Structure formats: C-alpha cells, structure tokens
Amino acid sequence: MSKLKEKSYIYISSLLIVIVFIFSVLFNSKFTETLIGFITLSSFMLLMFLIFNNWDLKEKIKSLRYQKNSTYIFFISILYFSLVLIHLILLRNQSEGFKLLIYILVITFSVDTFSYFIGSLIGRRRENFLSLISPNKTIEGTLGGFLIGFVCSIILSRILEINGDWITLVIISILIPFFAITGDFLQSGLKRFYGAKDSGGTLPGHGGFLDRIDSLGLSAYSYYWILVFL
C-alpha cells in the first residue's frame, strides 16, 4: 500500500515483527501483557492521529512532508498490526480461552459480514462522513452491522455462558461491535491515505489479507482488556 519497497524498509519491518514475537513469547508475565497493551494503544492512537491529521494529503501529493509522514505511518502500522493480533493468543490463554476465541471471531465476522450485506441491500446515504473514509461505507450498513453484532453478542454469550452478569454483558456487547467497526475504519483510512483500493492481492475479491483481520485485531485487543478491567 505504501509503495515503500526499498530493501531497508523490508529488513527493518521484518526485524521489528521478529522482536515483537520473541518478546511476547519469551516474557510471559503480567508486566509484559500490560506493556504490550500500552504500546498497542499508543500505536493505535498515534496511527489514527497521523492518518487523519494528514487527510489533506489523501490525493497523494508527493511532498517531503508526505514522504516523512508516510514513513512514520508505515512503521507504526507494522508495530500496531503485530501487537494487536497477539491479543488473540492472550485471550486463548485464559481459563475459558476457547470460548472467548469463538465469541470474538463470531461477533467480529458478524459485524463485518452484515455491515456489507445491509449496506449493499438498503444503504442509500453514501454521501456522508463515512464515505470520506471509504466510498462504499453507508450509515445503514454501519448501524446494521453494529446492531447485528450487539444481538449476536447477547445470544452467543448466553449460549457459551461467558461475559458475566447482564450489566457486564451489555457493556461488552456495545463495545466489541464498536471497536470492530473502528478497526475497519482505521484500515480504510490507511488505504485512503496511501491511495490504495486494496491492502494486497493475497485474497482476490476480499481486498487483501489485512482487510480480513483489521476488525478482528482491535476487537480482540479491546475484548481482552475489557475482561481484565471488568
């Protein structure tokens, strides 16, 4: 997406991913989890700021400032997507980890799938603030995906007997679909910044591999820390 294909970028980003992986595997402690969570949140917020603060550059004006910010966003994106997906492992390592993993996968993909189908069927409001991020996003599709995610969360949580009492369940059922949608918006903003239609060609017709996991990463991250604090 970034068109930064120099070998130095590939080497540095590969090394960064390896370091993150080794660090997260070898140092299995509460401190490590907290540090990973903090760095993930920081990289997410910084990535959002850099993307939307440079929105005037979405037409890919090749200025020195653009190239500088493009490089920052490239490396922060590598860090963010490497760290955020580690939370799937952290969820799986919980006492009811298998149930938690099934839950987050089903809810996230439900939000993604129904946002697309509802938007395709009844989506009309394409000229809105969402279309600035992605021209195919509609208010109807986004709200529909959120509501389906909320209902599925309530039903699946009761079936799997997870997510605590009703107050906790309602909070989780609101936040997880919200963060799934936010993760999708972040990825769309990243593509829009770089002027790319898809994140890659690994999965033809699906927008690329990164498009399939953008919502999952942030929803897994938020779900893990919501469970920790609740």
Foldseek 3Di string as FASTA:
>chain_A
DLPPPDVVLVVVLVVLLVVLVCQCVVDPDPVSVVVLLVLLVVLVVVLVCLLVVVLVCLVVDPDPVLVVSSVVNSNSVSSNVSSLQCLLVVQLPDPLSVLSNVLLVVLLVQLVVQLQVQCVPPFDPQPDPLVSLPSSGGPRSNVRSLVRSLVSQVVSCVVSVDQDDPVSSNVLSNPLSVQLVVLLSSVSSVCSSSVHQAPDPPDPPQRDPCNVCSSSSRSSSVVVVSVVVD
